[in-house]
């Protein structure tokens, strides 16, 4: 069983983690920011808190595990 995704994280916190890992901002449309690194494109909703399912989707797009996210949040 995979570890549970953290709760209470905002879109801004996820963006900071992505930028630490080398993702670059491409564009923003409405409240959704697009980040790219190589062939990977990640869409991050810039909401105050992300639901676990939304965060799981962002991790899947970035090809990250929960441990990868925790390592880049520091």
PDB file of N, CA and C in Angstrom:
ATOM      1  N   UNK A   1       0.841  -1.176   0.000  1.00  0.00           N
ATOM      2  CA  UNK A   1       0.000   0.000   0.000  1.00  0.00           C
ATOM      3  C   UNK A   1       0.884   1.236   0.000  1.00  0.00           C
ATOM      4  N   UNK A   2       0.572   2.200  -0.838  1.00  0.00           N
ATOM      5  CA  UNK A   2       1.376   3.416  -0.916  1.00  0.00           C
ATOM      6  C   UNK A   2       1.054   4.340   0.257  1.00  0.00           C
ATOM      7  N   UNK A   3       2.035   5.160   0.654  1.00  0.00           N
ATOM      8  CA  UNK A   3       1.784   6.070   1.777  1.00  0.00           C
ATOM      9  C   UNK A   3       0.740   7.115   1.421  1.00  0.00           C
ATOM     10  N   UNK A   4       0.051   7.597   2.429  1.00  0.00           N
ATOM     11  CA  UNK A   4      -0.997   8.593   2.219  1.00  0.00           C
ATOM     12  C   UNK A   4      -0.384   9.922   1.813  1.00  0.00           C
ATOM     13  N   UNK A   5      -1.080  10.636   0.945  1.00  0.00           N
ATOM     14  CA  UNK A   5      -0.599  11.958   0.544  1.00  0.00           C
ATOM     15  C   UNK A   5      -0.823  12.939   1.691  1.00  0.00           C
ATOM     16  N   UNK A   6       0.068  13.912   1.850  1.00  0.00           N
ATOM     17  CA  UNK A   6      -0.117  14.901   2.916  1.00  0.00           C
ATOM     18  C   UNK A   6      -1.380  15.733   2.669  1.00  0.00           C
ATOM     19  N   UNK A   7      -1.996  16.180   3.729  1.00  0.00           N
ATOM     20  CA  UNK A   7      -3.189  17.010   3.600  1.00  0.00           C
ATOM     21  C   UNK A   7      -2.858  18.436   4.003  1.00  0.00           C
ATOM     22  N   UNK A   8      -3.680  19.359   3.556  1.00  0.00           N
ATOM     23  CA  UNK A   8      -3.529  20.753   3.943  1.00  0.00           C
ATOM     24  C   UNK A   8      -2.489  21.525   3.159  1.00  0.00           C
ATOM     25  N   UNK A   9      -1.963  20.954   2.071  1.00  0.00           N
ATOM     26  CA  UNK A   9      -0.970  21.672   1.272  1.00  0.00           C
ATOM     27  C   UNK A   9      -1.665  22.582   0.273  1.00  0.00           C
ATOM     28  N   UNK A  10      -1.081  23.745   0.044  1.00  0.00           N
ATOM     29  CA  UNK A  10      -1.647  24.689  -0.918  1.00  0.00           C
ATOM     30  C   UNK A  10      -0.965  24.523  -2.271  1.00  0.00           C
ATOM     31  N   UNK A  11      -1.575  25.102  -3.283  1.00  0.00           N
ATOM     32  CA  UNK A  11      -0.977  25.094  -4.613  1.00  0.00           C
ATOM     33  C   UNK A  11       0.377  25.787  -4.614  1.00  0.00           C
ATOM     34  N   UNK A  12       0.508  26.869  -3.850  1.00  0.00           N
ATOM     35  CA  UNK A  12       1.774  27.609  -3.784  1.00  0.00           C
ATOM     36  C   UNK A  12       2.888  26.747  -3.194  1.00  0.00           C
ATOM     37  N   UNK A  13       2.573  25.942  -2.201  1.00  0.00           N
ATOM     38  CA  UNK A  13       3.583  25.061  -1.603  1.00  0.00           C
ATOM     39  C   UNK A  13       4.036  23.991  -2.597  1.00  0.00           C
ATOM     40  N   UNK A  14       3.103  23.471  -3.371  1.00  0.00           N
ATOM     41  CA  UNK A  14       3.434  22.471  -4.379  1.00  0.00           C
ATOM     42  C   UNK A  14       4.306  23.088  -5.464  1.00  0.00           C
ATOM     43  N   UNK A  15       3.979  24.311  -5.866  1.00  0.00           N
ATOM     44  CA  UNK A  15       4.761  25.012  -6.883  1.00  0.00           C
ATOM     45  C   UNK A  15       6.202  25.207  -6.411  1.00  0.00           C
ATOM     46  N   UNK A  16       6.395  25.598  -5.162  1.00  0.00           N
ATOM     47  CA  UNK A  16       7.749  25.777  -4.628  1.00  0.00           C
ATOM     48  C   UNK A  16       8.528  24.471  -4.688  1.00  0.00           C
ATOM     49  N   UNK A  17       7.861  23.363  -4.341  1.00  0.00           N
ATOM     50  CA  UNK A  17       8.518  22.055  -4.395  1.00  0.00           C
ATOM     51  C   UNK A  17       8.893  21.698  -5.831  1.00  0.00           C
ATOM     52  N   UNK A  18       7.995  21.965  -6.783  1.00  0.00           N
ATOM     53  CA  UNK A  18       8.285  21.679  -8.190  1.00  0.00           C
ATOM     54  C   UNK A  18       9.465  22.508  -8.681  1.00  0.00           C
ATOM     55  N   UNK A  19       9.497  23.793  -8.303  1.00  0.00           N
ATOM     56  CA  UNK A  19      10.588  24.662  -8.737  1.00  0.00           C
ATOM     57  C   UNK A  19      11.919  24.213  -8.148  1.00  0.00           C
ATOM     58  N   UNK A  20      11.918  23.747  -6.897  1.00  0.00           N
ATOM     59  CA  UNK A  20      13.149  23.220  -6.289  1.00  0.00           C
ATOM     60  C   UNK A  20      13.672  22.016  -7.070  1.00  0.00           C
ATOM     61  N   UNK A  21      12.766  21.254  -7.659  1.00  0.00           N
ATOM     62  CA  UNK A  21      13.144  20.049  -8.402  1.00  0.00           C
ATOM     63  C   UNK A  21      13.501  20.343  -9.853  1.00  0.00           C
ATOM     64  N   UNK A  22      13.394  21.601 -10.281  1.00  0.00           N
ATOM     65  CA  UNK A  22      13.797  21.949 -11.636  1.00  0.00           C
ATOM     66  C   UNK A  22      12.682  22.238 -12.614  1.00  0.00           C
ATOM     67  N   UNK A  23      11.428  22.150 -12.178  1.00  0.00           N
ATOM     68  CA  UNK A  23      10.314  22.478 -13.064  1.00  0.00           C
ATOM     69  C   UNK A  23      10.276  23.990 -13.276  1.00  0.00           C
ATOM     70  N   UNK A  24       9.948  24.399 -14.491  1.00  0.00           N
ATOM     71  CA  UNK A  24       9.891  25.830 -14.829  1.00  0.00           C
ATOM     72  C   UNK A  24       8.457  26.225 -15.158  1.00  0.00           C
ATOM     73  N   UNK A  25       8.079  27.423 -14.747  1.00  0.00           N
ATOM     74  CA  UNK A  25       6.744  27.949 -15.015  1.00  0.00           C
ATOM     75  C   UNK A  25       6.610  28.230 -16.502  1.00  0.00           C
ATOM     76  N   UNK A  26       5.529  27.745 -17.098  1.00  0.00           N
ATOM     77  CA  UNK A  26       5.282  27.950 -18.527  1.00  0.00           C
ATOM     78  C   UNK A  26       4.189  28.982 -18.727  1.00  0.00           C
ATOM     79  N   UNK A  27       3.054  28.793 -18.049  1.00  0.00           N
ATOM     80  CA  UNK A  27       1.944  29.727 -18.204  1.00  0.00           C
ATOM     81  C   UNK A  27       0.958  29.551 -17.062  1.00  0.00           C
ATOM     82  N   UNK A  28       0.060  30.507 -16.971  1.00  0.00           N
ATOM     83  CA  UNK A  28      -1.030  30.432 -16.001  1.00  0.00           C
ATOM     84  C   UNK A  28      -2.305  30.812 -16.724  1.00  0.00           C
ATOM     85  N   UNK A  29      -3.345  30.043 -16.470  1.00  0.00           N
ATOM     86  CA  UNK A  29      -4.648  30.354 -17.053  1.00  0.00           C
ATOM     87  C   UNK A  29      -5.671  30.226 -15.942  1.00  0.00           C
ATOM     88  N   UNK A  30      -6.251  31.345 -15.564  1.00  0.00           N
ATOM     89  CA  UNK A  30      -7.181  31.336 -14.448  1.00  0.00           C
ATOM     90  C   UNK A  30      -6.427  31.021 -13.173  1.00  0.00           C
ATOM     91  N   UNK A  31      -6.861  30.004 -12.454  1.00  0.00           N
ATOM     92  CA  UNK A  31      -6.202  29.644 -11.205  1.00  0.00           C
ATOM     93  C   UNK A  31      -5.333  28.396 -11.359  1.00  0.00           C
ATOM     94  N   UNK A  32      -4.962  28.038 -12.585  1.00  0.00           N
ATOM     95  CA  UNK A  32      -4.151  26.848 -12.825  1.00  0.00           C
ATOM     96  C   UNK A  32      -2.826  27.240 -13.475  1.00  0.00           C
ATOM     97  N   UNK A  33      -1.736  26.812 -12.847  1.00  0.00           N
ATOM     98  CA  UNK A  33      -0.397  27.110 -13.352  1.00  0.00           C
ATOM     99  C   UNK A  33       0.175  25.864 -14.027  1.00  0.00           C
ATOM    100  N   UNK A  34       0.893  26.080 -15.124  1.00  0.00           N
ATOM    101  CA  UNK A  34       1.495  24.983 -15.874  1.00  0.00           C
ATOM    102  C   UNK A  34       3.006  25.037 -15.675  1.00  0.00           C
ATOM    103  N   UNK A  35       3.576  23.902 -15.286  1.00  0.00           N
ATOM    104  CA  UNK A  35       5.019  23.776 -15.077  1.00  0.00           C
ATOM    105  C   UNK A  35       5.548  22.654 -15.945  1.00  0.00           C
ATOM    106  N   UNK A  36       6.774  22.829 -16.436  1.00  0.00           N
ATOM    107  CA  UNK A  36       7.341  21.830 -17.337  1.00  0.00           C
ATOM    108  C   UNK A  36       8.798  21.565 -16.970  1.00  0.00           C
ATOM    109  N   UNK A  37       9.172  20.301 -17.106  1.00  0.00           N
ATOM    110  CA  UNK A  37      10.557  19.869 -16.952  1.00  0.00           C
ATOM    111  C   UNK A  37      10.785  18.743 -17.941  1.00  0.00           C
ATOM    112  N   UNK A  38      11.567  18.997 -18.968  1.00  0.00           N
ATOM    113  CA  UNK A  38      11.764  18.007 -20.026  1.00  0.00           C
ATOM    114  C   UNK A  38      10.450  17.712 -20.725  1.00  0.00           C
ATOM    115  N   UNK A  39      10.079  16.458 -20.767  1.00  0.00           N
ATOM    116  CA  UNK A  39       8.826  16.046 -21.400  1.00  0.00           C
ATOM    117  C   UNK A  39       7.639  16.087 -20.448  1.00  0.00           C
ATOM    118  N   UNK A  40       7.887  16.301 -19.164  1.00  0.00           N
ATOM    119  CA  UNK A  40       6.830  16.310 -18.145  1.00  0.00           C
ATOM    120  C   UNK A  40       6.144  17.662 -18.068  1.00  0.00           C
ATOM    121  N   UNK A  41       4.831  17.662 -18.076  1.00  0.00           N
ATOM    122  CA  UNK A  41       4.034  18.864 -17.868  1.00  0.00           C
ATOM    123  C   UNK A  41       3.096  18.600 -16.698  1.00  0.00           C
ATOM    124  N   UNK A  42       3.072  19.561 -15.760  1.00  0.00           N
ATOM    125  CA  UNK A  42       2.263  19.428 -14.557  1.00  0.00           C
ATOM    126  C   UNK A  42       1.351  20.647 -14.450  1.00  0.00           C
ATOM    127  N   UNK A  43       0.072  20.415 -14.255  1.00  0.00           N
ATOM    128  CA  UNK A  43      -0.900  21.480 -14.037  1.00  0.00           C
ATOM    129  C   UNK A  43      -1.208  21.523 -12.549  1.00  0.00           C
ATOM    130  N   UNK A  44      -0.988  22.698 -11.929  1.00  0.00           N
ATOM    131  CA  UNK A  44      -1.203  22.841 -10.490  1.00  0.00           C
ATOM    132  C   UNK A  44      -2.318  23.849 -10.246  1.00  0.00           C
ATOM    133  N   UNK A  45      -3.415  23.446  -9.614  1.00  0.00           N
ATOM    134  CA  UNK A  45      -4.449  24.405  -9.242  1.00  0.00           C
ATOM    135  C   UNK A  45      -3.930  25.256  -8.082  1.00  0.00           C
ATOM    136  N   UNK A  46      -4.012  26.562  -8.212  1.00  0.00           N
ATOM    137  CA  UNK A  46      -3.472  27.471  -7.203  1.00  0.00           C
ATOM    138  C   UNK A  46      -4.544  27.758  -6.147  1.00  0.00           C
ATOM    139  N   UNK A  47      -4.966  26.703  -5.467  1.00  0.00           N
ATOM    140  CA  UNK A  47      -5.987  26.811  -4.433  1.00  0.00           C
ATOM    141  C   UNK A  47      -5.341  26.842  -3.057  1.00  0.00           C
ATOM    142  N   UNK A  48      -6.088  27.295  -2.060  1.00  0.00           N
ATOM    143  CA  UNK A  48      -5.557  27.359  -0.681  1.00  0.00           C
ATOM    144  C   UNK A  48      -5.183  25.994  -0.149  1.00  0.00           C
ATOM    145  N   UNK A  49      -6.038  25.029  -0.375  1.00  0.00           N
ATOM    146  CA  UNK A  49      -5.734  23.645   0.016  1.00  0.00           C
ATOM    147  C   UNK A  49      -6.131  22.726  -1.135  1.00  0.00           C
ATOM    148  N   UNK A  50      -5.310  21.730  -1.369  1.00  0.00           N
ATOM    149  CA  UNK A  50      -5.594  20.759  -2.421  1.00  0.00           C
ATOM    150  C   UNK A  50      -6.159  19.493  -1.787  1.00  0.00           C
ATOM    151  N   UNK A  51      -7.190  18.975  -2.387  1.00  0.00           N
ATOM    152  CA  UNK A  51      -7.766  17.725  -1.889  1.00  0.00           C
ATOM    153  C   UNK A  51      -6.779  16.594  -2.172  1.00  0.00           C
ATOM    154  N   UNK A  52      -6.872  15.502  -1.415  1.00  0.00           N
ATOM    155  CA  UNK A  52      -5.934  14.389  -1.624  1.00  0.00           C
ATOM    156  C   UNK A  52      -5.948  13.844  -3.053  1.00  0.00           C
ATOM    157  N   UNK A  53      -7.105  13.774  -3.664  1.00  0.00           N
ATOM    158  CA  UNK A  53      -7.189  13.274  -5.040  1.00  0.00           C
ATOM    159  C   UNK A  53      -6.509  14.201  -6.030  1.00  0.00           C
ATOM    160  N   UNK A  54      -6.652  15.501  -5.834  1.00  0.00           N
ATOM    161  CA  UNK A  54      -6.004  16.474  -6.708  1.00  0.00           C
ATOM    162  C   UNK A  54      -4.493  16.410  -6.534  1.00  0.00           C
ATOM    163  N   UNK A  55      -4.037  16.314  -5.299  1.00  0.00           N
ATOM    164  CA  UNK A  55      -2.603  16.222  -5.032  1.00  0.00           C
ATOM    165  C   UNK A  55      -2.030  14.938  -5.631  1.00  0.00           C
ATOM    166  N   UNK A  56      -2.776  13.854  -5.532  1.00  0.00           N
ATOM    167  CA  UNK A  56      -2.339  12.591  -6.132  1.00  0.00           C
ATOM    168  C   UNK A  56      -2.195  12.737  -7.646  1.00  0.00           C
ATOM    169  N   UNK A  57      -3.108  13.477  -8.271  1.00  0.00           N
ATOM    170  CA  UNK A  57      -3.039  13.715  -9.707  1.00  0.00           C
ATOM    171  C   UNK A  57      -1.796  14.533 -10.070  1.00  0.00           C
ATOM    172  N   UNK A  58      -1.490  15.548  -9.267  1.00  0.00           N
ATOM    173  CA  UNK A  58      -0.297  16.374  -9.512  1.00  0.00           C
ATOM    174  C   UNK A  58       0.952  15.498  -9.392  1.00  0.00           C
ATOM    175  N   UNK A  59       0.997  14.641  -8.382  1.00  0.00           N
ATOM    176  CA  UNK A  59       2.153  13.751  -8.208  1.00  0.00           C
ATOM    177  C   UNK A  59       2.295  12.796  -9.386  1.00  0.00           C
ATOM    178  N   UNK A  60       1.182  12.292  -9.877  1.00  0.00           N
ATOM    179  CA  UNK A  60       1.216  11.386 -11.022  1.00  0.00           C
ATOM    180  C   UNK A  60       1.753  12.100 -12.262  1.00  0.00           C
ATOM    181  N   UNK A  61       1.310  13.361 -12.483  1.00  0.00           N
ATOM    182  CA  UNK A  61       1.789  14.125 -13.627  1.00  0.00           C
ATOM    183  C   UNK A  61       3.292  14.380 -13.539  1.00  0.00           C
ATOM    184  N   UNK A  62       3.789  14.625 -12.314  1.00  0.00           N
ATOM    185  CA  UNK A  62       5.218  14.907 -12.114  1.00  0.00           C
ATOM    186  C   UNK A  62       6.042  13.633 -12.047  1.00  0.00           C
ATOM    187  N   UNK A  63       5.383  12.459 -12.006  1.00  0.00           N
ATOM    188  CA  UNK A  63       6.034  11.168 -11.837  1.00  0.00           C
ATOM    189  C   UNK A  63       6.801  11.134 -10.519  1.00  0.00           C
ATOM    190  N   UNK A  64       6.160  11.614  -9.464  1.00  0.00           N
ATOM    191  CA  UNK A  64       6.725  11.676  -8.114  1.00  0.00           C
ATOM    192  C   UNK A  64       6.001  10.706  -7.200  1.00  0.00           C
ATOM    193  N   UNK A  65       6.726  10.251  -6.198  1.00  0.00           N
ATOM    194  CA  UNK A  65       6.123   9.502  -5.104  1.00  0.00           C
ATOM    195  C   UNK A  65       5.864  10.494  -3.966  1.00  0.00           C
ATOM    196  N   UNK A  66       5.194  10.053  -2.926  1.00  0.00           N
ATOM    197  CA  UNK A  66       4.950  10.912  -1.766  1.00  0.00           C
ATOM    198  C   UNK A  66       6.288  11.299  -1.129  1.00  0.00           C
ATOM    199  N   UNK A  67       7.262  10.368  -1.143  1.00  0.00           N
ATOM    200  CA  UNK A  67       8.584  10.660  -0.588  1.00  0.00           C
ATOM    201  C   UNK A  67       9.290  11.749  -1.384  1.00  0.00           C
ATOM    202  N   UNK A  68       9.148  11.739  -2.720  1.00  0.00           N
ATOM    203  CA  UNK A  68       9.734  12.788  -3.575  1.00  0.00           C
ATOM    204  C   UNK A  68       9.151  14.145  -3.197  1.00  0.00           C
ATOM    205  N   UNK A  69       7.850  14.199  -2.996  1.00  0.00           N
ATOM    206  CA  UNK A  69       7.193  15.440  -2.621  1.00  0.00           C
ATOM    207  C   UNK A  69       7.719  15.933  -1.282  1.00  0.00           C
ATOM    208  N   UNK A  70       7.775  15.047  -0.294  1.00  0.00           N
ATOM    209  CA  UNK A  70       8.243  15.443   1.041  1.00  0.00           C
ATOM    210  C   UNK A  70       9.688  15.935   0.985  1.00  0.00           C
ATOM    211  N   UNK A  71      10.520  15.307   0.163  1.00  0.00           N
ATOM    212  CA  UNK A  71      11.917  15.724   0.047  1.00  0.00           C
ATOM    213  C   UNK A  71      12.036  17.125  -0.549  1.00  0.00           C
ATOM    214  N   UNK A  72      11.161  17.464  -1.483  1.00  0.00           N
ATOM    215  CA  UNK A  72      11.230  18.775  -2.139  1.00  0.00           C
ATOM    216  C   UNK A  72      10.460  19.856  -1.411  1.00  0.00           C
ATOM    217  N   UNK A  73       9.650  19.487  -0.415  1.00  0.00           N
ATOM    218  CA  UNK A  73       8.927  20.486   0.360  1.00  0.00           C
ATOM    219  C   UNK A  73       9.828  21.175   1.373  1.00  0.00           C
ATOM    220  N   UNK A  74      10.941  20.560   1.726  1.00  0.00           N
ATOM    221  CA  UNK A  74      11.830  21.106   2.746  1.00  0.00           C
ATOM    222  C   UNK A  74      12.562  22.335   2.281  1.00  0.00           C
TER     223      UNK A  74
END
